[in-house]
Amino acid sequence: MIEVRNLTKTFKVHRKEPGLLNSVKSLFHREWITNTALDDVSLSIGKGEIVGLVGANGAGKTTLVKILSGIIHPDRGTVRVLDENPWERKNAFRRNIALIMGQKAQLWWDLPAADSFLLLREIYGLSKDEFTTRLDRLTETLDVGSKMNIQLRRLSLGERMKMELIAALLHNPHVVFLDEPTIGLDITSQRAIRQFIADYRQEHEPAMILTSHYMEDIETLCKRIIIIREGKIVYDGPLADVVEKHTPGKIITATLSECSLGDGFTIPAELGKIISTDNCQITLQIPRPKLTAATSFVMEHLSISDLSIEEPDISTIIESIMRGHNE
């Protein structure tokens, strides 16, 4: 459904120098800087797949989403969404996509959501029965039926976001772009929207791209992630493989029964290394093939009251990849 090959996008921005004199000079002679937002990006997303797009601020995530949804066009490369060029903005294309941006509203601020939905029904050419069936289903699932006739500006942020989701999905799009859909929401609203997105994907099988700075969004909804850094894709694959491929091993944390580690404890280099230690606890990083041997060594040489074996925190791993510290 989505095919991108060798996509490149640059922007020219005005170089701004501090000071009044430089501001006056810039009126007559401006210097421009070329920033590369996307650099030779290629990806493919199929029907029913939800992909997490992860990256730091300014990495190029929103630029990519805007190109795929037809808001801006690339400098080079080919982009096909539902076998169309998105920036041509054909009606058939626009009827089959949805763009949900957590920081921008598409509904009318001073109108009840119900009135906005009626207008969207006319825009998308939905029959009365089709519109009623879909709207009832969406409002029931998101539990906002009692809020339909309240002005949008009087709703809470979470309730407004739910209305935005209904507006975006009312026409059953085949491709859905979710740009920070849970930003600023409380924990309860975040969970409700995550569950709704998961249920909607399972029922309707659209191709979906999700960008979010909340790792719980990505971990809950996405089996595949794309990590983008400075306009380049640095990882594209299963979320489960990130830990396997980008960490040297597992973490063993041992709690000592007598809170007395002493200064002489060491572990053979081939079994792993000590990350941190105090009188009551020691934490080690162990290569996966040596996990059994290292655990036995620790239990044999220390008096332990509790021992845990964990994977490194996935959000920390992804952050390290985004910053280029894990290559």
C-alpha atoms as a PDB file:
ATOM      1  CA  MET A   1       0.000   0.000   0.000  1.00  0.00           C
ATOM      2  CA  ILE A   2       2.921   2.332   0.702  1.00  0.00           C
ATOM      3  CA  GLU A   3       6.092   2.174  -1.405  1.00  0.00           C
ATOM      4  CA  VAL A   4       8.928   4.675  -1.028  1.00  0.00           C
ATOM      5  CA  ARG A   5      12.197   4.534  -2.955  1.00  0.00           C
ATOM      6  CA  ASN A   6      15.233   6.828  -2.599  1.00  0.00           C
ATOM      7  CA  LEU A   7      13.181   9.683  -1.186  1.00  0.00           C
ATOM      8  CA  THR A   8      15.028  12.968  -0.584  1.00  0.00           C
ATOM      9  CA  LYS A   9      13.645  16.255   0.709  1.00  0.00           C
ATOM     10  CA  THR A  10      15.532  19.463   1.465  1.00  0.00           C
ATOM     11  CA  PHE A  11      14.448  22.860   2.782  1.00  0.00           C
ATOM     12  CA  LYS A  12      16.091  26.240   2.385  1.00  0.00           C
ATOM     13  CA  VAL A  13      16.051  28.373   5.506  1.00  0.00           C
ATOM     14  CA  HIS A  14      17.234  31.920   6.055  1.00  0.00           C
ATOM     15  CA  ARG A  15      20.445  32.245   8.040  1.00  0.00           C
ATOM     16  CA  LYS A  16      19.684  34.572  10.946  1.00  0.00           C
ATOM     17  CA  GLU A  17      22.486  36.510  12.610  1.00  0.00           C
ATOM     18  CA  PRO A  18      21.927  38.275  15.950  1.00  0.00           C
ATOM     19  CA  GLY A  19      21.915  42.055  16.185  1.00  0.00           C
ATOM     20  CA  LEU A  20      19.999  44.977  14.718  1.00  0.00           C
ATOM     21  CA  LEU A  21      22.581  45.705  11.999  1.00  0.00           C
ATOM     22  CA  ASN A  22      22.421  42.123  10.705  1.00  0.00           C
ATOM     23  CA  SER A  23      18.615  42.290  10.684  1.00  0.00           C
ATOM     24  CA  VAL A  24      18.783  45.413   8.482  1.00  0.00           C
ATOM     25  CA  LYS A  25      21.368  43.797   6.179  1.00  0.00           C
ATOM     26  CA  SER A  26      19.138  40.760   5.717  1.00  0.00           C
ATOM     27  CA  LEU A  27      16.460  42.974   4.179  1.00  0.00           C
ATOM     28  CA  PHE A  28      18.747  43.523   1.175  1.00  0.00           C
ATOM     29  CA  HIS A  29      20.905  40.417   1.108  1.00  0.00           C
ATOM     30  CA  ARG A  30      19.837  37.108   2.586  1.00  0.00           C
ATOM     31  CA  GLU A  31      21.956  34.052   3.101  1.00  0.00           C
ATOM     32  CA  TRP A  32      20.271  30.692   2.793  1.00  0.00           C
ATOM     33  CA  ILE A  33      21.114  27.338   4.328  1.00  0.00           C
ATOM     34  CA  THR A  34      20.006  24.033   2.805  1.00  0.00           C
ATOM     35  CA  ASN A  35      18.790  21.521   5.398  1.00  0.00           C
ATOM     36  CA  THR A  36      18.273  17.907   4.382  1.00  0.00           C
ATOM     37  CA  ALA A  37      15.113  16.645   6.064  1.00  0.00           C
ATOM     38  CA  LEU A  38      15.076  13.220   4.364  1.00  0.00           C
ATOM     39  CA  ASP A  39      18.054  11.555   2.706  1.00  0.00           C
ATOM     40  CA  ASP A  40      17.618   8.530   0.416  1.00  0.00           C
ATOM     41  CA  VAL A  41      14.739   7.006   2.392  1.00  0.00           C
ATOM     42  CA  SER A  42      13.209   3.721   1.194  1.00  0.00           C
ATOM     43  CA  LEU A  43      10.467   1.679   2.856  1.00  0.00           C
ATOM     44  CA  SER A  44       7.446  -0.486   2.161  1.00  0.00           C
ATOM     45  CA  ILE A  45       4.310  -0.966   4.294  1.00  0.00           C
ATOM     46  CA  GLY A  46       1.572  -3.466   3.477  1.00  0.00           C
ATOM     47  CA  LYS A  47      -2.095  -3.922   4.278  1.00  0.00           C
ATOM     48  CA  GLY A  48      -2.904  -4.421   7.956  1.00  0.00           C
ATOM     49  CA  GLU A  49       0.594  -3.412   9.091  1.00  0.00           C
ATOM     50  CA  ILE A  50       1.177  -0.747  11.739  1.00  0.00           C
ATOM     51  CA  VAL A  51       4.710   0.613  11.778  1.00  0.00           C
ATOM     52  CA  GLY A  52       6.232   2.792  14.475  1.00  0.00           C
ATOM     53  CA  LEU A  53       8.257   5.715  13.132  1.00  0.00           C
ATOM     54  CA  VAL A  54      10.742   6.726  15.808  1.00  0.00           C
ATOM     55  CA  GLY A  55      13.267   9.540  15.935  1.00  0.00           C
ATOM     56  CA  ALA A  56      14.398  12.617  17.809  1.00  0.00           C
ATOM     57  CA  ASN A  57      12.859  16.030  17.195  1.00  0.00           C
ATOM     58  CA  GLY A  58      13.931  17.225  13.745  1.00  0.00           C
ATOM     59  CA  ALA A  59      14.863  13.737  12.530  1.00  0.00           C
ATOM     60  CA  GLY A  60      12.407  13.908   9.606  1.00  0.00           C
ATOM     61  CA  LYS A  61       9.407  11.935  10.890  1.00  0.00           C
ATOM     62  CA  THR A  62       6.741  14.579  10.318  1.00  0.00           C
ATOM     63  CA  THR A  63       8.252  15.537   6.952  1.00  0.00           C
ATOM     64  CA  LEU A  64       7.928  11.925   5.821  1.00  0.00           C
ATOM     65  CA  VAL A  65       4.319  11.730   7.015  1.00  0.00           C
ATOM     66  CA  LYS A  66       3.485  14.990   5.208  1.00  0.00           C
ATOM     67  CA  ILE A  67       4.968  13.678   1.948  1.00  0.00           C
ATOM     68  CA  LEU A  68       3.098  10.384   2.210  1.00  0.00           C
ATOM     69  CA  SER A  69      -0.175  12.208   2.884  1.00  0.00           C
ATOM     70  CA  GLY A  70       0.361  14.638  -0.014  1.00  0.00           C
ATOM     71  CA  ILE A  71       0.877  17.864   1.969  1.00  0.00           C
ATOM     72  CA  ILE A  72       4.346  18.443   0.507  1.00  0.00           C
ATOM     73  CA  HIS A  73       6.236  16.821  -2.358  1.00  0.00           C
ATOM     74  CA  PRO A  74       9.777  15.384  -2.395  1.00  0.00           C
ATOM     75  CA  ASP A  75      12.789  16.682  -4.283  1.00  0.00           C
ATOM     76  CA  ARG A  76      13.810  13.256  -5.563  1.00  0.00           C
ATOM     77  CA  GLY A  77      12.657   9.654  -5.364  1.00  0.00           C
ATOM     78  CA  THR A  78       9.405   7.811  -5.960  1.00  0.00           C
ATOM     79  CA  VAL A  79       6.449   7.605  -3.589  1.00  0.00           C
ATOM     80  CA  ARG A  80       3.354   5.497  -4.168  1.00  0.00           C
ATOM     81  CA  VAL A  81       0.494   5.368  -1.672  1.00  0.00           C
ATOM     82  CA  LEU A  82      -2.473   3.236  -2.773  1.00  0.00           C
ATOM     83  CA  ASP A  83      -0.769   3.263  -6.191  1.00  0.00           C
ATOM     84  CA  GLU A  84      -1.077   7.069  -6.405  1.00  0.00           C
ATOM     85  CA  ASN A  85       1.328   9.999  -6.239  1.00  0.00           C
ATOM     86  CA  PRO A  86       0.198  11.581  -2.947  1.00  0.00           C
ATOM     87  CA  TRP A  87       1.014  15.205  -3.875  1.00  0.00           C
ATOM     88  CA  GLU A  88      -1.384  15.068  -6.840  1.00  0.00           C
ATOM     89  CA  ARG A  89      -4.130  15.070  -4.179  1.00  0.00           C
ATOM     90  CA  LYS A  90      -6.709  13.262  -6.298  1.00  0.00           C
ATOM     91  CA  ASN A  91     -10.135  12.895  -4.701  1.00  0.00           C
ATOM     92  CA  ALA A  92      -9.960   9.107  -4.905  1.00  0.00           C
ATOM     93  CA  PHE A  93      -6.683   9.201  -2.979  1.00  0.00           C
ATOM     94  CA  ARG A  94      -7.919  11.612  -0.309  1.00  0.00           C
ATOM     95  CA  ARG A  95     -11.047   9.507   0.308  1.00  0.00           C
ATOM     96  CA  ASN A  96      -8.874   6.566   1.265  1.00  0.00           C
ATOM     97  CA  ILE A  97      -6.354   8.117   3.648  1.00  0.00           C
ATOM     98  CA  ALA A  98      -6.524   9.718   7.087  1.00  0.00           C
ATOM     99  CA  LEU A  99      -4.030  12.000   8.808  1.00  0.00           C
ATOM    100  CA  ILE A 100      -4.320  12.455  12.568  1.00  0.00           C
ATOM    101  CA  MET A 101      -1.945  14.983  14.109  1.00  0.00           C
ATOM    102  CA  GLY A 102      -2.015  15.244  17.883  1.00  0.00           C
ATOM    103  CA  GLN A 103      -0.903  18.874  17.810  1.00  0.00           C
ATOM    104  CA  LYS A 104      -3.352  20.087  15.148  1.00  0.00           C
ATOM    105  CA  ALA A 105      -7.155  19.942  15.097  1.00  0.00           C
ATOM    106  CA  GLN A 106      -9.274  19.371  12.006  1.00  0.00           C
ATOM    107  CA  LEU A 107     -12.660  19.846  13.677  1.00  0.00           C
ATOM    108  CA  TRP A 108     -14.311  23.232  14.124  1.00  0.00           C
ATOM    109  CA  TRP A 109     -13.549  24.670  17.557  1.00  0.00           C
ATOM    110  CA  ASP A 110     -16.897  26.400  18.192  1.00  0.00           C
ATOM    111  CA  LEU A 111     -19.137  23.638  16.812  1.00  0.00           C
ATOM    112  CA  PRO A 112     -20.278  20.413  18.455  1.00  0.00           C
ATOM    113  CA  ALA A 113     -18.539  17.378  17.008  1.00  0.00           C
ATOM    114  CA  ALA A 114     -21.899  16.077  15.730  1.00  0.00           C
ATOM    115  CA  ASP A 115     -22.192  19.065  13.350  1.00  0.00           C
ATOM    116  CA  SER A 116     -18.650  18.570  12.065  1.00  0.00           C
ATOM    117  CA  PHE A 117     -19.354  14.900  11.414  1.00  0.00           C
ATOM    118  CA  LEU A 118     -22.434  15.799   9.348  1.00  0.00           C
ATOM    119  CA  LEU A 119     -20.279  18.039   7.178  1.00  0.00           C
ATOM    120  CA  LEU A 120     -17.694  15.272   6.778  1.00  0.00           C
ATOM    121  CA  ARG A 121     -20.486  12.928   5.714  1.00  0.00           C
ATOM    122  CA  GLU A 122     -21.210  15.274   2.788  1.00  0.00           C
ATOM    123  CA  ILE A 123     -17.538  15.707   1.934  1.00  0.00           C
ATOM    124  CA  TYR A 124     -16.943  11.955   1.755  1.00  0.00           C
ATOM    125  CA  GLY A 125     -20.290  11.188   0.112  1.00  0.00           C
ATOM    126  CA  LEU A 126     -21.442   8.688   2.714  1.00  0.00           C
ATOM    127  CA  SER A 127     -24.997   7.397   2.648  1.00  0.00           C
ATOM    128  CA  LYS A 128     -27.181   8.096   5.682  1.00  0.00           C
ATOM    129  CA  ASP A 129     -27.213   4.441   6.780  1.00  0.00           C
ATOM    130  CA  GLU A 130     -23.479   4.056   6.229  1.00  0.00           C
ATOM    131  CA  PHE A 131     -22.757   7.244   8.163  1.00  0.00           C
ATOM    132  CA  THR A 132     -25.046   6.365  11.076  1.00  0.00           C
ATOM    133  CA  THR A 133     -23.700   2.828  11.414  1.00  0.00           C
ATOM    134  CA  ARG A 134     -20.066   3.912  11.423  1.00  0.00           C
ATOM    135  CA  LEU A 135     -20.605   6.887  13.713  1.00  0.00           C
ATOM    136  CA  ASP A 136     -22.551   4.845  16.252  1.00  0.00           C
ATOM    137  CA  ARG A 137     -19.861   2.198  16.258  1.00  0.00           C
ATOM    138  CA  LEU A 138     -17.009   4.678  16.715  1.00  0.00           C
ATOM    139  CA  THR A 139     -18.729   6.744  19.414  1.00  0.00           C
ATOM    140  CA  GLU A 140     -19.677   3.615  21.339  1.00  0.00           C
ATOM    141  CA  THR A 141     -16.149   2.203  21.151  1.00  0.00           C
ATOM    142  CA  LEU A 142     -14.596   5.482  22.313  1.00  0.00           C
ATOM    143  CA  ASP A 143     -17.381   6.145  24.846  1.00  0.00           C
ATOM    144  CA  VAL A 144     -18.124   9.709  23.726  1.00  0.00           C
ATOM    145  CA  GLY A 145     -21.782   9.397  22.742  1.00  0.00           C
ATOM    146  CA  SER A 146     -22.877  11.791  25.495  1.00  0.00           C
ATOM    147  CA  LYS A 147     -20.374  14.449  24.331  1.00  0.00           C
ATOM    148  CA  MET A 148     -21.488  14.708  20.711  1.00  0.00           C
ATOM    149  CA  ASN A 149     -23.547  17.905  21.102  1.00  0.00           C
ATOM    150  CA  ILE A 150     -21.063  19.813  23.258  1.00  0.00           C
ATOM    151  CA  GLN A 151     -18.888  22.489  21.656  1.00  0.00           C
ATOM    152  CA  LEU A 152     -15.471  21.086  20.902  1.00  0.00           C
ATOM    153  CA  ARG A 153     -13.710  23.786  22.914  1.00  0.00           C
ATOM    154  CA  ARG A 154     -15.629  22.723  26.041  1.00  0.00           C
ATOM    155  CA  LEU A 155     -14.331  19.144  25.890  1.00  0.00           C
ATOM    156  CA  SER A 156     -11.239  17.854  27.659  1.00  0.00           C
ATOM    157  CA  LEU A 157      -8.081  17.217  25.631  1.00  0.00           C
ATOM    158  CA  GLY A 158      -8.684  13.466  25.716  1.00  0.00           C
ATOM    159  CA  GLU A 159     -12.283  13.845  24.561  1.00  0.00           C
ATOM    160  CA  ARG A 160     -11.220  16.167  21.729  1.00  0.00           C
ATOM    161  CA  MET A 161      -8.615  13.649  20.598  1.00  0.00           C
ATOM    162  CA  LYS A 162     -11.266  10.935  20.496  1.00  0.00           C
ATOM    163  CA  MET A 163     -13.463  13.183  18.334  1.00  0.00           C
ATOM    164  CA  GLU A 164     -10.502  13.780  16.017  1.00  0.00           C
ATOM    165  CA  LEU A 165     -10.063  10.018  15.665  1.00  0.00           C
ATOM    166  CA  ILE A 166     -13.727   9.594  14.773  1.00  0.00           C
ATOM    167  CA  ALA A 167     -13.488  12.373  12.166  1.00  0.00           C
ATOM    168  CA  ALA A 168     -10.405  10.797  10.606  1.00  0.00           C
ATOM    169  CA  LEU A 169     -11.782   7.248  10.498  1.00  0.00           C
ATOM    170  CA  LEU A 170     -15.407   7.934   9.640  1.00  0.00           C
ATOM    171  CA  HIS A 171     -14.835   7.095   5.963  1.00  0.00           C
ATOM    172  CA  ASN A 172     -12.945   3.826   6.672  1.00  0.00           C
ATOM    173  CA  PRO A 173      -9.583   4.866   5.135  1.00  0.00           C
ATOM    174  CA  HIS A 174      -7.190   2.251   3.762  1.00  0.00           C
ATOM    175  CA  VAL A 175      -4.098   4.167   4.934  1.00  0.00           C
ATOM    176  CA  VAL A 176      -3.871   5.960   8.301  1.00  0.00           C
ATOM    177  CA  PHE A 177      -1.111   8.302   9.459  1.00  0.00           C
ATOM    178  CA  LEU A 178      -0.986   8.871  13.224  1.00  0.00           C
ATOM    179  CA  ASP A 179       1.372  11.697  14.184  1.00  0.00           C
ATOM    180  CA  GLU A 180       1.665  11.910  17.998  1.00  0.00           C
ATOM    181  CA  PRO A 181      -1.982  10.863  18.638  1.00  0.00           C
ATOM    182  CA  THR A 182      -1.547  10.651  22.436  1.00  0.00           C
ATOM    183  CA  ILE A 183       0.566  13.748  23.030  1.00  0.00           C
ATOM    184  CA  GLY A 184      -0.410  15.619  26.181  1.00  0.00           C
ATOM    185  CA  LEU A 185      -3.056  13.104  27.242  1.00  0.00           C
ATOM    186  CA  ASP A 186      -3.394  11.587  30.689  1.00  0.00           C
ATOM    187  CA  ILE A 187      -2.596   7.913  31.240  1.00  0.00           C
ATOM    188  CA  THR A 188      -6.243   6.788  31.085  1.00  0.00           C
ATOM    189  CA  SER A 189      -6.873   8.571  27.780  1.00  0.00           C
ATOM    190  CA  GLN A 190      -3.622   7.258  26.318  1.00  0.00           C
ATOM    191  CA  ARG A 191      -4.604   3.683  27.128  1.00  0.00           C
ATOM    192  CA  ALA A 192      -8.105   4.125  25.712  1.00  0.00           C
ATOM    193  CA  ILE A 193      -6.779   5.508  22.429  1.00  0.00           C
ATOM    194  CA  ARG A 194      -4.110   2.818  22.134  1.00  0.00           C
ATOM    195  CA  GLN A 195      -6.737   0.122  22.607  1.00  0.00           C
ATOM    196  CA  PHE A 196      -9.026   1.763  20.077  1.00  0.00           C
ATOM    197  CA  ILE A 197      -6.240   1.973  17.473  1.00  0.00           C
ATOM    198  CA  ALA A 198      -5.328  -1.676  18.048  1.00  0.00           C
ATOM    199  CA  ASP A 199      -8.954  -2.799  17.693  1.00  0.00           C
ATOM    200  CA  TYR A 200      -9.501  -0.649  14.598  1.00  0.00           C
ATOM    201  CA  ARG A 201      -6.407  -2.066  12.899  1.00  0.00           C
ATOM    202  CA  GLN A 202      -7.479  -5.632  13.632  1.00  0.00           C
ATOM    203  CA  GLU A 203     -10.989  -5.070  12.301  1.00  0.00           C
ATOM    204  CA  HIS A 204     -10.291  -2.946   9.200  1.00  0.00           C
ATOM    205  CA  GLU A 205      -6.646  -3.818   8.355  1.00  0.00           C
ATOM    206  CA  PRO A 206      -5.446  -0.437   7.076  1.00  0.00           C
ATOM    207  CA  ALA A 207      -1.765   0.305   6.563  1.00  0.00           C
ATOM    208  CA  MET A 208      -0.774   2.535   9.476  1.00  0.00           C
ATOM    209  CA  ILE A 209       2.240   4.683  10.387  1.00  0.00           C
ATOM    210  CA  LEU A 210       2.510   5.804  13.999  1.00  0.00           C
ATOM    211  CA  THR A 211       4.937   8.461  15.223  1.00  0.00           C
ATOM    212  CA  SER A 212       5.218   8.994  18.956  1.00  0.00           C
ATOM    213  CA  HIS A 213       7.684  10.051  21.634  1.00  0.00           C
ATOM    214  CA  TYR A 214       5.884   7.753  24.084  1.00  0.00           C
ATOM    215  CA  MET A 215       7.576   4.363  23.896  1.00  0.00           C
ATOM    216  CA  GLU A 216       4.504   2.710  25.413  1.00  0.00           C
ATOM    217  CA  ASP A 217       2.576   3.683  22.259  1.00  0.00           C
ATOM    218  CA  ILE A 218       5.200   2.001  20.093  1.00  0.00           C
ATOM    219  CA  GLU A 219       5.616  -1.092  22.280  1.00  0.00           C
ATOM    220  CA  THR A 220       1.860  -1.636  22.600  1.00  0.00           C
ATOM    221  CA  LEU A 221       0.871  -1.132  18.970  1.00  0.00           C
ATOM    222  CA  CYS A 222       3.849  -1.852  16.705  1.00  0.00           C
ATOM    223  CA  LYS A 223       5.632  -5.086  15.895  1.00  0.00           C
ATOM    224  CA  ARG A 224       7.852  -3.271  13.408  1.00  0.00           C
ATOM    225  CA  ILE A 225       9.663   0.021  13.890  1.00  0.00           C
ATOM    226  CA  ILE A 226      11.619   2.373  11.668  1.00  0.00           C
ATOM    227  CA  ILE A 227      14.238   4.494  13.435  1.00  0.00           C
ATOM    228  CA  ILE A 228      15.159   7.657  11.587  1.00  0.00           C
ATOM    229  CA  ARG A 229      18.133   9.861  12.426  1.00  0.00           C
ATOM    230  CA  GLU A 230      19.041  13.101  10.645  1.00  0.00           C
ATOM    231  CA  GLY A 231      16.850  12.163   7.700  1.00  0.00           C
ATOM    232  CA  LYS A 232      18.244   8.642   7.260  1.00  0.00           C
ATOM    233  CA  ILE A 233      16.717   5.306   8.230  1.00  0.00           C
ATOM    234  CA  VAL A 234      19.137   3.614  10.621  1.00  0.00           C
ATOM    235  CA  TYR A 235      16.918   0.668  11.550  1.00  0.00           C
ATOM    236  CA  ASP A 236      13.910  -0.984   9.911  1.00  0.00           C
ATOM    237  CA  GLY A 237      12.745  -4.255  11.361  1.00  0.00           C
ATOM    238  CA  PRO A 238      10.920  -6.085  14.146  1.00  0.00           C
ATOM    239  CA  LEU A 239      10.721  -4.283  17.464  1.00  0.00           C
ATOM    240  CA  ALA A 240      11.599  -7.550  19.196  1.00  0.00           C
ATOM    241  CA  ASP A 241      14.934  -7.696  17.333  1.00  0.00           C
ATOM    242  CA  VAL A 242      16.100  -4.286  18.555  1.00  0.00           C
ATOM    243  CA  VAL A 243      17.159  -5.705  21.914  1.00  0.00           C
ATOM    244  CA  GLU A 244      18.697  -8.795  20.320  1.00  0.00           C
ATOM    245  CA  LYS A 245      20.748  -6.902  17.725  1.00  0.00           C
ATOM    246  CA  HIS A 246      21.703  -3.737  19.567  1.00  0.00           C
ATOM    247  CA  THR A 247      22.562  -4.883  23.077  1.00  0.00           C
ATOM    248  CA  PRO A 248      25.457  -7.084  24.093  1.00  0.00           C
ATOM    249  CA  GLY A 249      23.481  -9.143  26.582  1.00  0.00           C
ATOM    250  CA  LYS A 250      21.134  -9.349  29.538  1.00  0.00           C
ATOM    251  CA  ILE A 251      21.225  -7.630  32.905  1.00  0.00           C
ATOM    252  CA  ILE A 252      21.615  -9.642  36.116  1.00  0.00           C
ATOM    253  CA  THR A 253      20.803  -7.878  39.391  1.00  0.00           C
ATOM    254  CA  ALA A 254      21.729  -9.732  42.578  1.00  0.00           C
ATOM    255  CA  THR A 255      20.603  -8.606  46.037  1.00  0.00           C
ATOM    256  CA  LEU A 256      22.970  -9.763  48.755  1.00  0.00           C
ATOM    257  CA  SER A 257      21.595 -11.448  51.860  1.00  0.00           C
ATOM    258  CA  GLU A 258      24.066  -9.788  54.250  1.00  0.00           C
ATOM    259  CA  CYS A 259      24.719  -6.451  52.469  1.00  0.00           C
ATOM    260  CA  SER A 260      28.448  -7.083  52.413  1.00  0.00           C
ATOM    261  CA  LEU A 261      29.991  -7.417  48.985  1.00  0.00           C
ATOM    262  CA  GLY A 262      33.545  -6.585  49.861  1.00  0.00           C
ATOM    263  CA  ASP A 263      36.205  -5.282  47.496  1.00  0.00           C
ATOM    264  CA  GLY A 264      37.520  -8.536  46.148  1.00  0.00           C
ATOM    265  CA  PHE A 265      34.633  -9.812  44.021  1.00  0.00           C
ATOM    266  CA  THR A 266      35.293  -9.914  40.291  1.00  0.00           C
ATOM    267  CA  ILE A 267      33.767 -11.838  37.424  1.00  0.00           C
ATOM    268  CA  PRO A 268      35.819 -13.402  34.605  1.00  0.00           C
ATOM    269  CA  ALA A 269      35.880 -11.142  31.555  1.00  0.00           C
ATOM    270  CA  GLU A 270      34.476 -13.861  29.304  1.00  0.00           C
ATOM    271  CA  LEU A 271      31.363 -14.121  31.510  1.00  0.00           C
ATOM    272  CA  GLY A 272      30.506 -10.413  31.515  1.00  0.00           C
ATOM    273  CA  LYS A 273      31.210  -7.211  33.387  1.00  0.00           C
ATOM    274  CA  ILE A 274      30.061  -5.405  36.531  1.00  0.00           C
ATOM    275  CA  ILE A 275      27.938  -2.330  35.760  1.00  0.00           C
ATOM    276  CA  SER A 276      27.293  -1.067  39.284  1.00  0.00           C
ATOM    277  CA  THR A 277      27.670  -2.197  42.837  1.00  0.00           C
ATOM    278  CA  ASP A 278      27.008  -1.236  46.436  1.00  0.00           C
ATOM    279  CA  ASN A 279      27.080  -3.138  49.713  1.00  0.00           C
ATOM    280  CA  CYS A 280      23.652  -4.682  49.158  1.00  0.00           C
ATOM    281  CA  GLN A 281      23.354  -5.114  45.396  1.00  0.00           C
ATOM    282  CA  ILE A 282      25.418  -5.835  42.303  1.00  0.00           C
ATOM    283  CA  THR A 283      24.398  -5.412  38.659  1.00  0.00           C
ATOM    284  CA  LEU A 284      26.151  -7.180  35.797  1.00  0.00           C
ATOM    285  CA  GLN A 285      25.908  -7.183  32.013  1.00  0.00           C
ATOM    286  CA  ILE A 286      26.166 -10.706  30.646  1.00  0.00           C
ATOM    287  CA  PRO A 287      26.557 -11.921  27.022  1.00  0.00           C
ATOM    288  CA  ARG A 288      23.562 -14.036  26.075  1.00  0.00           C
ATOM    289  CA  PRO A 289      25.526 -17.249  25.390  1.00  0.00           C
ATOM    290  CA  LYS A 290      27.174 -16.967  28.831  1.00  0.00           C
ATOM    291  CA  LEU A 291      23.999 -16.337  30.839  1.00  0.00           C
ATOM    292  CA  THR A 292      23.816 -19.792  32.481  1.00  0.00           C
ATOM    293  CA  ALA A 293      27.513 -19.884  33.329  1.00  0.00           C
ATOM    294  CA  ALA A 294      27.514 -16.338  34.692  1.00  0.00           C
ATOM    295  CA  THR A 295      24.437 -16.947  36.832  1.00  0.00           C
ATOM    296  CA  SER A 296      26.011 -20.071  38.312  1.00  0.00           C
ATOM    297  CA  PHE A 297      29.243 -18.179  39.020  1.00  0.00           C
ATOM    298  CA  VAL A 298      27.437 -15.369  40.829  1.00  0.00           C
ATOM    299  CA  MET A 299      25.346 -17.752  42.950  1.00  0.00           C
ATOM    300  CA  GLU A 300      28.397 -19.810  43.829  1.00  0.00           C
ATOM    301  CA  HIS A 301      30.563 -16.891  44.953  1.00  0.00           C
ATOM    302  CA  LEU A 302      27.985 -14.602  46.605  1.00  0.00           C
ATOM    303  CA  SER A 303      25.384 -15.005  49.327  1.00  0.00           C
ATOM    304  CA  ILE A 304      22.213 -13.935  47.503  1.00  0.00           C
ATOM    305  CA  SER A 305      18.701 -13.267  48.784  1.00  0.00           C
ATOM    306  CA  ASP A 306      17.218 -12.297  45.418  1.00  0.00           C
ATOM    307  CA  LEU A 307      18.296 -12.431  41.781  1.00  0.00           C
ATOM    308  CA  SER A 308      16.662 -11.038  38.641  1.00  0.00           C
ATOM    309  CA  ILE A 309      17.521 -11.406  34.953  1.00  0.00           C
ATOM    310  CA  GLU A 310      16.169  -8.733  32.605  1.00  0.00           C
ATOM    311  CA  GLU A 311      16.474  -7.394  29.106  1.00  0.00           C
ATOM    312  CA  PRO A 312      17.906  -3.857  28.900  1.00  0.00           C
ATOM    313  CA  ASP A 313      15.205  -1.173  28.791  1.00  0.00           C
ATOM    314  CA  ILE A 314      14.023  -0.906  25.178  1.00  0.00           C
ATOM    315  CA  SER A 315      13.412   2.832  25.316  1.00  0.00           C
ATOM    316  CA  THR A 316      17.025   3.361  26.406  1.00  0.00           C
ATOM    317  CA  ILE A 317      18.257   1.180  23.535  1.00  0.00           C
ATOM    318  CA  ILE A 318      16.184   3.037  20.946  1.00  0.00           C
ATOM    319  CA  GLU A 319      17.279   6.407  22.316  1.00  0.00           C
ATOM    320  CA  SER A 320      20.882   5.262  22.011  1.00  0.00           C
ATOM    321  CA  ILE A 321      20.337   4.232  18.383  1.00  0.00           C
ATOM    322  CA  MET A 322      18.646   7.557  17.595  1.00  0.00           C
ATOM    323  CA  ARG A 323      21.654   9.408  18.975  1.00  0.00           C
ATOM    324  CA  GLY A 324      24.131   7.207  17.133  1.00  0.00           C
ATOM    325  CA  HIS A 325      25.668   5.681  20.264  1.00  0.00           C
ATOM    326  CA  ASN A 326      24.844   2.071  19.418  1.00  0.00           C
ATOM    327  CA  GLU A 327      26.560   1.376  16.127  1.00  0.00           C
END
